[in-house]
Amino acid sequence: MANFLKTYAVVLVVFVVFLFFGGLNLLDFNTHYYAAIASWAFVLALLVAAFAAQGEKIEQLEKRVSELEEKDRD
């Protein structure tokens, strides 16, 4: 739970700073809808990249565990 709260606080601060320095203009769907779509796509791409990196780490750990189990059998 503590890790989630730390992550939430960091994201909240970054988002507020982003909006303070003109990010609200990018997220205005009425006038800049292409920029808004691009910025939301960037956020989603970051999330997908984070999940993909976690998946790769899990696969590497599974491979390492199976190698260690084979060594233990021998």
PDB file of N, CA and C in Angstrom:
ATOM      1  N   MET A   1       0.829  -1.194   0.000  1.00  0.00           N
ATOM      2  CA  MET A   1       0.000   0.000   0.000  1.00  0.00           C
ATOM      3  C   MET A   1       0.871   1.254   0.000  1.00  0.00           C
ATOM      4  N   ALA A   2       1.984   1.201   0.722  1.00  0.00           N
ATOM      5  CA  ALA A   2       2.861   2.367   0.801  1.00  0.00           C
ATOM      6  C   ALA A   2       3.468   2.690  -0.567  1.00  0.00           C
ATOM      7  N   ASN A   3       3.842   1.648  -1.335  1.00  0.00           N
ATOM      8  CA  ASN A   3       4.401   1.879  -2.662  1.00  0.00           C
ATOM      9  C   ASN A   3       3.380   2.544  -3.572  1.00  0.00           C
ATOM     10  N   PHE A   4       2.137   2.107  -3.464  1.00  0.00           N
ATOM     11  CA  PHE A   4       1.085   2.716  -4.279  1.00  0.00           C
ATOM     12  C   PHE A   4       0.905   4.184  -3.928  1.00  0.00           C
ATOM     13  N   LEU A   5       0.904   4.498  -2.638  1.00  0.00           N
ATOM     14  CA  LEU A   5       0.719   5.891  -2.224  1.00  0.00           C
ATOM     15  C   LEU A   5       1.885   6.770  -2.673  1.00  0.00           C
ATOM     16  N   LYS A   6       3.102   6.227  -2.629  1.00  0.00           N
ATOM     17  CA  LYS A   6       4.261   6.985  -3.124  1.00  0.00           C
ATOM     18  C   LYS A   6       4.119   7.243  -4.620  1.00  0.00           C
ATOM     19  N   THR A   7       3.740   6.210  -5.367  1.00  0.00           N
ATOM     20  CA  THR A   7       3.569   6.362  -6.808  1.00  0.00           C
ATOM     21  C   THR A   7       2.459   7.359  -7.115  1.00  0.00           C
ATOM     22  N   TYR A   8       1.367   7.265  -6.386  1.00  0.00           N
ATOM     23  CA  TYR A   8       0.244   8.183  -6.588  1.00  0.00           C
ATOM     24  C   TYR A   8       0.672   9.621  -6.317  1.00  0.00           C
ATOM     25  N   ALA A   9       1.423   9.847  -5.256  1.00  0.00           N
ATOM     26  CA  ALA A   9       1.871  11.196  -4.918  1.00  0.00           C
ATOM     27  C   ALA A   9       2.782  11.760  -6.002  1.00  0.00           C
ATOM     28  N   VAL A  10       3.694  10.940  -6.507  1.00  0.00           N
ATOM     29  CA  VAL A  10       4.603  11.403  -7.559  1.00  0.00           C
ATOM     30  C   VAL A  10       3.823  11.747  -8.821  1.00  0.00           C
ATOM     31  N   VAL A  11       2.904  10.882  -9.216  1.00  0.00           N
ATOM     32  CA  VAL A  11       2.104  11.138 -10.419  1.00  0.00           C
ATOM     33  C   VAL A  11       1.246  12.380 -10.228  1.00  0.00           C
ATOM     34  N   LEU A  12       0.684  12.554  -9.065  1.00  0.00           N
ATOM     35  CA  LEU A  12      -0.152  13.725  -8.800  1.00  0.00           C
ATOM     36  C   LEU A  12       0.669  15.010  -8.899  1.00  0.00           C
ATOM     37  N   VAL A  13       1.858  15.018  -8.325  1.00  0.00           N
ATOM     38  CA  VAL A  13       2.717  16.207  -8.380  1.00  0.00           C
ATOM     39  C   VAL A  13       3.132  16.494  -9.819  1.00  0.00           C
ATOM     40  N   VAL A  14       3.538  15.472 -10.550  1.00  0.00           N
ATOM     41  CA  VAL A  14       3.945  15.661 -11.944  1.00  0.00           C
ATOM     42  C   VAL A  14       2.786  16.188 -12.772  1.00  0.00           C
ATOM     43  N   PHE A  15       1.598  15.660 -12.544  1.00  0.00           N
ATOM     44  CA  PHE A  15       0.434  16.103 -13.309  1.00  0.00           C
ATOM     45  C   PHE A  15       0.081  17.555 -12.990  1.00  0.00           C
ATOM     46  N   VAL A  16       0.163  17.953 -11.721  1.00  0.00           N
ATOM     47  CA  VAL A  16      -0.141  19.334 -11.352  1.00  0.00           C
ATOM     48  C   VAL A  16       0.890  20.285 -11.969  1.00  0.00           C
ATOM     49  N   VAL A  17       2.162  19.901 -11.944  1.00  0.00           N
ATOM     50  CA  VAL A  17       3.198  20.729 -12.565  1.00  0.00           C
ATOM     51  C   VAL A  17       2.963  20.825 -14.069  1.00  0.00           C
ATOM     52  N   PHE A  18       2.610  19.708 -14.676  1.00  0.00           N
ATOM     53  CA  PHE A  18       2.317  19.692 -16.111  1.00  0.00           C
ATOM     54  C   PHE A  18       1.173  20.643 -16.447  1.00  0.00           C
ATOM     55  N   LEU A  19       0.106  20.599 -15.666  1.00  0.00           N
ATOM     56  CA  LEU A  19      -1.035  21.479 -15.919  1.00  0.00           C
ATOM     57  C   LEU A  19      -0.682  22.936 -15.646  1.00  0.00           C
ATOM     58  N   PHE A  20       0.136  23.192 -14.629  1.00  0.00           N
ATOM     59  CA  PHE A  20       0.516  24.559 -14.294  1.00  0.00           C
ATOM     60  C   PHE A  20       1.320  25.210 -15.413  1.00  0.00           C
ATOM     61  N   PHE A  21       2.175  24.453 -16.069  1.00  0.00           N
ATOM     62  CA  PHE A  21       3.016  25.003 -17.119  1.00  0.00           C
ATOM     63  C   PHE A  21       2.412  24.857 -18.518  1.00  0.00           C
ATOM     64  N   GLY A  22       1.108  24.875 -18.620  1.00  0.00           N
ATOM     65  CA  GLY A  22       0.457  24.936 -19.913  1.00  0.00           C
ATOM     66  C   GLY A  22      -0.078  23.619 -20.422  1.00  0.00           C
ATOM     67  N   GLY A  23      -0.030  22.600 -19.631  1.00  0.00           N
ATOM     68  CA  GLY A  23      -0.541  21.310 -20.059  1.00  0.00           C
ATOM     69  C   GLY A  23      -2.041  21.310 -20.276  1.00  0.00           C
ATOM     70  N   LEU A  24      -2.721  22.213 -19.597  1.00  0.00           N
ATOM     71  CA  LEU A  24      -4.173  22.286 -19.756  1.00  0.00           C
ATOM     72  C   LEU A  24      -4.542  22.660 -21.183  1.00  0.00           C
ATOM     73  N   ASN A  25      -3.702  23.456 -21.836  1.00  0.00           N
ATOM     74  CA  ASN A  25      -3.962  23.801 -23.239  1.00  0.00           C
ATOM     75  C   ASN A  25      -3.857  22.580 -24.136  1.00  0.00           C
ATOM     76  N   LEU A  26      -2.950  21.669 -23.811  1.00  0.00           N
ATOM     77  CA  LEU A  26      -2.823  20.447 -24.604  1.00  0.00           C
ATOM     78  C   LEU A  26      -4.017  19.520 -24.416  1.00  0.00           C
ATOM     79  N   LEU A  27      -4.578  19.538 -23.213  1.00  0.00           N
ATOM     80  CA  LEU A  27      -5.674  18.624 -22.901  1.00  0.00           C
ATOM     81  C   LEU A  27      -7.049  19.195 -23.214  1.00  0.00           C
ATOM     82  N   ASP A  28      -7.097  20.356 -23.829  1.00  0.00           N
ATOM     83  CA  ASP A  28      -8.369  20.980 -24.181  1.00  0.00           C
ATOM     84  C   ASP A  28      -8.887  20.352 -25.476  1.00  0.00           C
ATOM     85  N   PHE A  29      -9.872  19.482 -25.348  1.00  0.00           N
ATOM     86  CA  PHE A  29     -10.394  18.776 -26.514  1.00  0.00           C
ATOM     87  C   PHE A  29     -11.137  19.693 -27.474  1.00  0.00           C
ATOM     88  N   ASN A  30     -11.615  20.826 -27.002  1.00  0.00           N
ATOM     89  CA  ASN A  30     -12.390  21.714 -27.866  1.00  0.00           C
ATOM     90  C   ASN A  30     -11.545  22.406 -28.919  1.00  0.00           C
ATOM     91  N   THR A  31     -10.313  22.778 -28.560  1.00  0.00           N
ATOM     92  CA  THR A  31      -9.497  23.539 -29.515  1.00  0.00           C
ATOM     93  C   THR A  31      -8.302  22.760 -30.044  1.00  0.00           C
ATOM     94  N   HIS A  32      -7.696  21.928 -29.214  1.00  0.00           N
ATOM     95  CA  HIS A  32      -6.484  21.206 -29.601  1.00  0.00           C
ATOM     96  C   HIS A  32      -6.710  19.697 -29.450  1.00  0.00           C
ATOM     97  N   TYR A  33      -7.649  19.164 -30.168  1.00  0.00           N
ATOM     98  CA  TYR A  33      -7.984  17.769 -29.933  1.00  0.00           C
ATOM     99  C   TYR A  33      -6.915  16.813 -30.444  1.00  0.00           C
ATOM    100  N   TYR A  34      -6.136  17.186 -31.451  1.00  0.00           N
ATOM    101  CA  TYR A  34      -5.052  16.307 -31.889  1.00  0.00           C
ATOM    102  C   TYR A  34      -3.945  16.239 -30.840  1.00  0.00           C
ATOM    103  N   ALA A  35      -3.620  17.379 -30.246  1.00  0.00           N
ATOM    104  CA  ALA A  35      -2.608  17.400 -29.190  1.00  0.00           C
ATOM    105  C   ALA A  35      -3.103  16.650 -27.960  1.00  0.00           C
ATOM    106  N   ALA A  36      -4.392  16.775 -27.666  1.00  0.00           N
ATOM    107  CA  ALA A  36      -4.953  16.066 -26.521  1.00  0.00           C
ATOM    108  C   ALA A  36      -4.892  14.563 -26.736  1.00  0.00           C
ATOM    109  N   ILE A  37      -5.233  14.121 -27.927  1.00  0.00           N
ATOM    110  CA  ILE A  37      -5.168  12.693 -28.234  1.00  0.00           C
ATOM    111  C   ILE A  37      -3.733  12.194 -28.148  1.00  0.00           C
ATOM    112  N   ALA A  38      -2.792  12.986 -28.655  1.00  0.00           N
ATOM    113  CA  ALA A  38      -1.387  12.590 -28.609  1.00  0.00           C
ATOM    114  C   ALA A  38      -0.874  12.513 -27.173  1.00  0.00           C
ATOM    115  N   SER A  39      -1.282  13.443 -26.322  1.00  0.00           N
ATOM    116  CA  SER A  39      -0.805  13.418 -24.941  1.00  0.00           C
ATOM    117  C   SER A  39      -1.401  12.244 -24.168  1.00  0.00           C
ATOM    118  N   TRP A  40      -2.675  11.951 -24.381  1.00  0.00           N
ATOM    119  CA  TRP A  40      -3.269  10.791 -23.709  1.00  0.00           C
ATOM    120  C   TRP A  40      -2.672   9.492 -24.247  1.00  0.00           C
ATOM    121  N   ALA A  41      -2.350   9.459 -25.523  1.00  0.00           N
ATOM    122  CA  ALA A  41      -1.700   8.276 -26.085  1.00  0.00           C
ATOM    123  C   ALA A  41      -0.319   8.082 -25.469  1.00  0.00           C
ATOM    124  N   PHE A  42       0.382   9.188 -25.205  1.00  0.00           N
ATOM    125  CA  PHE A  42       1.688   9.098 -24.556  1.00  0.00           C
ATOM    126  C   PHE A  42       1.568   8.508 -23.156  1.00  0.00           C
ATOM    127  N   VAL A  43       0.579   8.948 -22.407  1.00  0.00           N
ATOM    128  CA  VAL A  43       0.369   8.419 -21.052  1.00  0.00           C
ATOM    129  C   VAL A  43       0.047   6.926 -21.106  1.00  0.00           C
ATOM    130  N   LEU A  44      -0.819   6.553 -22.014  1.00  0.00           N
ATOM    131  CA  LEU A  44      -1.155   5.136 -22.144  1.00  0.00           C
ATOM    132  C   LEU A  44       0.047   4.311 -22.600  1.00  0.00           C
ATOM    133  N   ALA A  45       0.871   4.881 -23.465  1.00  0.00           N
ATOM    134  CA  ALA A  45       2.071   4.187 -23.922  1.00  0.00           C
ATOM    135  C   ALA A  45       3.036   3.961 -22.764  1.00  0.00           C
ATOM    136  N   LEU A  46       3.138   4.920 -21.865  1.00  0.00           N
ATOM    137  CA  LEU A  46       3.985   4.738 -20.689  1.00  0.00           C
ATOM    138  C   LEU A  46       3.480   3.593 -19.816  1.00  0.00           C
ATOM    139  N   LEU A  47       2.175   3.528 -19.643  1.00  0.00           N
ATOM    140  CA  LEU A  47       1.603   2.443 -18.845  1.00  0.00           C
ATOM    141  C   LEU A  47       1.852   1.085 -19.487  1.00  0.00           C
ATOM    142  N   VAL A  48       1.642   1.006 -20.777  1.00  0.00           N
ATOM    143  CA  VAL A  48       1.849  -0.257 -21.487  1.00  0.00           C
ATOM    144  C   VAL A  48       3.320  -0.663 -21.433  1.00  0.00           C
ATOM    145  N   ALA A  49       4.211   0.302 -21.598  1.00  0.00           N
ATOM    146  CA  ALA A  49       5.643   0.006 -21.541  1.00  0.00           C
ATOM    147  C   ALA A  49       6.043  -0.497 -20.155  1.00  0.00           C
ATOM    148  N   ALA A  50       5.464   0.082 -19.122  1.00  0.00           N
ATOM    149  CA  ALA A  50       5.767  -0.367 -17.759  1.00  0.00           C
ATOM    150  C   ALA A  50       5.297  -1.805 -17.542  1.00  0.00           C
ATOM    151  N   PHE A  51       4.101  -2.126 -18.008  1.00  0.00           N
ATOM    152  CA  PHE A  51       3.607  -3.487 -17.864  1.00  0.00           C
ATOM    153  C   PHE A  51       4.433  -4.476 -18.693  1.00  0.00           C
ATOM    154  N   ALA A  52       4.849  -4.066 -19.870  1.00  0.00           N
ATOM    155  CA  ALA A  52       5.671  -4.937 -20.706  1.00  0.00           C
ATOM    156  C   ALA A  52       7.024  -5.197 -20.062  1.00  0.00           C
ATOM    157  N   ALA A  53       7.615  -4.177 -19.462  1.00  0.00           N
ATOM    158  CA  ALA A  53       8.900  -4.352 -18.782  1.00  0.00           C
ATOM    159  C   ALA A  53       8.751  -5.307 -17.607  1.00  0.00           C
ATOM    160  N   GLN A  54       7.653  -5.211 -16.896  1.00  0.00           N
ATOM    161  CA  GLN A  54       7.418  -6.132 -15.784  1.00  0.00           C
ATOM    162  C   GLN A  54       7.265  -7.560 -16.280  1.00  0.00           C
ATOM    163  N   GLY A  55       6.586  -7.723 -17.405  1.00  0.00           N
ATOM    164  CA  GLY A  55       6.421  -9.056 -17.976  1.00  0.00           C
ATOM    165  C   GLY A  55       7.748  -9.674 -18.366  1.00  0.00           C
ATOM    166  N   GLU A  56       8.637  -8.864 -18.946  1.00  0.00           N
ATOM    167  CA  GLU A  56       9.954  -9.366 -19.327  1.00  0.00           C
ATOM    168  C   GLU A  56      10.766  -9.772 -18.101  1.00  0.00           C
ATOM    169  N   LYS A  57      10.676  -8.988 -17.041  1.00  0.00           N
ATOM    170  CA  LYS A  57      11.394  -9.318 -15.812  1.00  0.00           C
ATOM    171  C   LYS A  57      10.875 -10.627 -15.212  1.00  0.00           C
ATOM    172  N   ILE A  58       9.576 -10.819 -15.261  1.00  0.00           N
ATOM    173  CA  ILE A  58       8.992 -12.050 -14.727  1.00  0.00           C
ATOM    174  C   ILE A  58       9.467 -13.254 -15.534  1.00  0.00           C
ATOM    175  N   GLU A  59       9.502 -13.116 -16.855  1.00  0.00           N
ATOM    176  CA  GLU A  59       9.979 -14.214 -17.693  1.00  0.00           C
ATOM    177  C   GLU A  59      11.440 -14.545 -17.392  1.00  0.00           C
ATOM    178  N   GLN A  60      12.272 -13.530 -17.184  1.00  0.00           N
ATOM    179  CA  GLN A  60      13.674 -13.766 -16.853  1.00  0.00           C
ATOM    180  C   GLN A  60      13.813 -14.472 -15.510  1.00  0.00           C
ATOM    181  N   LEU A  61      12.996 -14.070 -14.547  1.00  0.00           N
ATOM    182  CA  LEU A  61      13.042 -14.717 -13.238  1.00  0.00           C
ATOM    183  C   LEU A  61      12.574 -16.165 -13.306  1.00  0.00           C
ATOM    184  N   GLU A  62      11.536 -16.430 -14.101  1.00  0.00           N
ATOM    185  CA  GLU A  62      11.064 -17.810 -14.258  1.00  0.00           C
ATOM    186  C   GLU A  62      12.148 -18.676 -14.884  1.00  0.00           C
ATOM    187  N   LYS A  63      12.839 -18.148 -15.859  1.00  0.00           N
ATOM    188  CA  LYS A  63      13.927 -18.887 -16.498  1.00  0.00           C
ATOM    189  C   LYS A  63      15.043 -19.159 -15.502  1.00  0.00           C
ATOM    190  N   ARG A  64      15.373 -18.169 -14.697  1.00  0.00           N
ATOM    191  CA  ARG A  64      16.431 -18.339 -13.701  1.00  0.00           C
ATOM    192  C   ARG A  64      16.040 -19.374 -12.653  1.00  0.00           C
ATOM    193  N   VAL A  65      14.792 -19.346 -12.215  1.00  0.00           N
ATOM    194  CA  VAL A  65      14.327 -20.315 -11.221  1.00  0.00           C
ATOM    195  C   VAL A  65      14.378 -21.722 -11.792  1.00  0.00           C
ATOM    196  N   SER A  66      13.958 -21.899 -13.038  1.00  0.00           N
ATOM    197  CA  SER A  66      13.989 -23.234 -13.637  1.00  0.00           C
ATOM    198  C   SER A  66      15.431 -23.727 -13.783  1.00  0.00           C
ATOM    199  N   GLU A  67      16.361 -22.841 -14.121  1.00  0.00           N
ATOM    200  CA  GLU A  67      17.764 -23.234 -14.208  1.00  0.00           C
ATOM    201  C   GLU A  67      18.310 -23.641 -12.844  1.00  0.00           C
ATOM    202  N   LEU A  68      17.942 -22.903 -11.813  1.00  0.00           N
ATOM    203  CA  LEU A  68      18.391 -23.253 -10.464  1.00  0.00           C
ATOM    204  C   LEU A  68      17.793 -24.566  -9.992  1.00  0.00           C
ATOM    205  N   GLU A  69      16.533 -24.820 -10.350  1.00  0.00           N
ATOM    206  CA  GLU A  69      15.911 -26.090  -9.987  1.00  0.00           C
ATOM    207  C   GLU A  69      16.590 -27.256 -10.684  1.00  0.00           C
ATOM    208  N   GLU A  70      16.990 -27.071 -11.945  1.00  0.00           N
ATOM    209  CA  GLU A  70      17.706 -28.131 -12.668  1.00  0.00           C
ATOM    210  C   GLU A  70      19.061 -28.388 -12.061  1.00  0.00           C
ATOM    211  N   LYS A  71      19.755 -27.344 -11.633  1.00  0.00           N
ATOM    212  CA  LYS A  71      21.041 -27.508 -10.978  1.00  0.00           C
ATOM    213  C   LYS A  71      20.890 -28.270  -9.666  1.00  0.00           C
ATOM    214  N   ASP A  72      19.798 -27.955  -8.961  1.00  0.00           N
ATOM    215  CA  ASP A  72      19.548 -28.604  -7.676  1.00  0.00           C
ATOM    216  C   ASP A  72      19.272 -30.092  -7.832  1.00  0.00           C
ATOM    217  N   ARG A  73      18.647 -30.486  -8.936  1.00  0.00           N
ATOM    218  CA  ARG A  73      18.337 -31.893  -9.191  1.00  0.00           C
ATOM    219  C   ARG A  73      19.592 -32.702  -9.483  1.00  0.00           C
ATOM    220  N   ASP A  74      20.575 -32.052 -10.117  1.00  0.00           N
ATOM    221  CA  ASP A  74      21.797 -32.761 -10.507  1.00  0.00           C
ATOM    222  C   ASP A  74      22.724 -32.982  -9.369  1.00  0.00           C
TER     223      ASP A  74
END
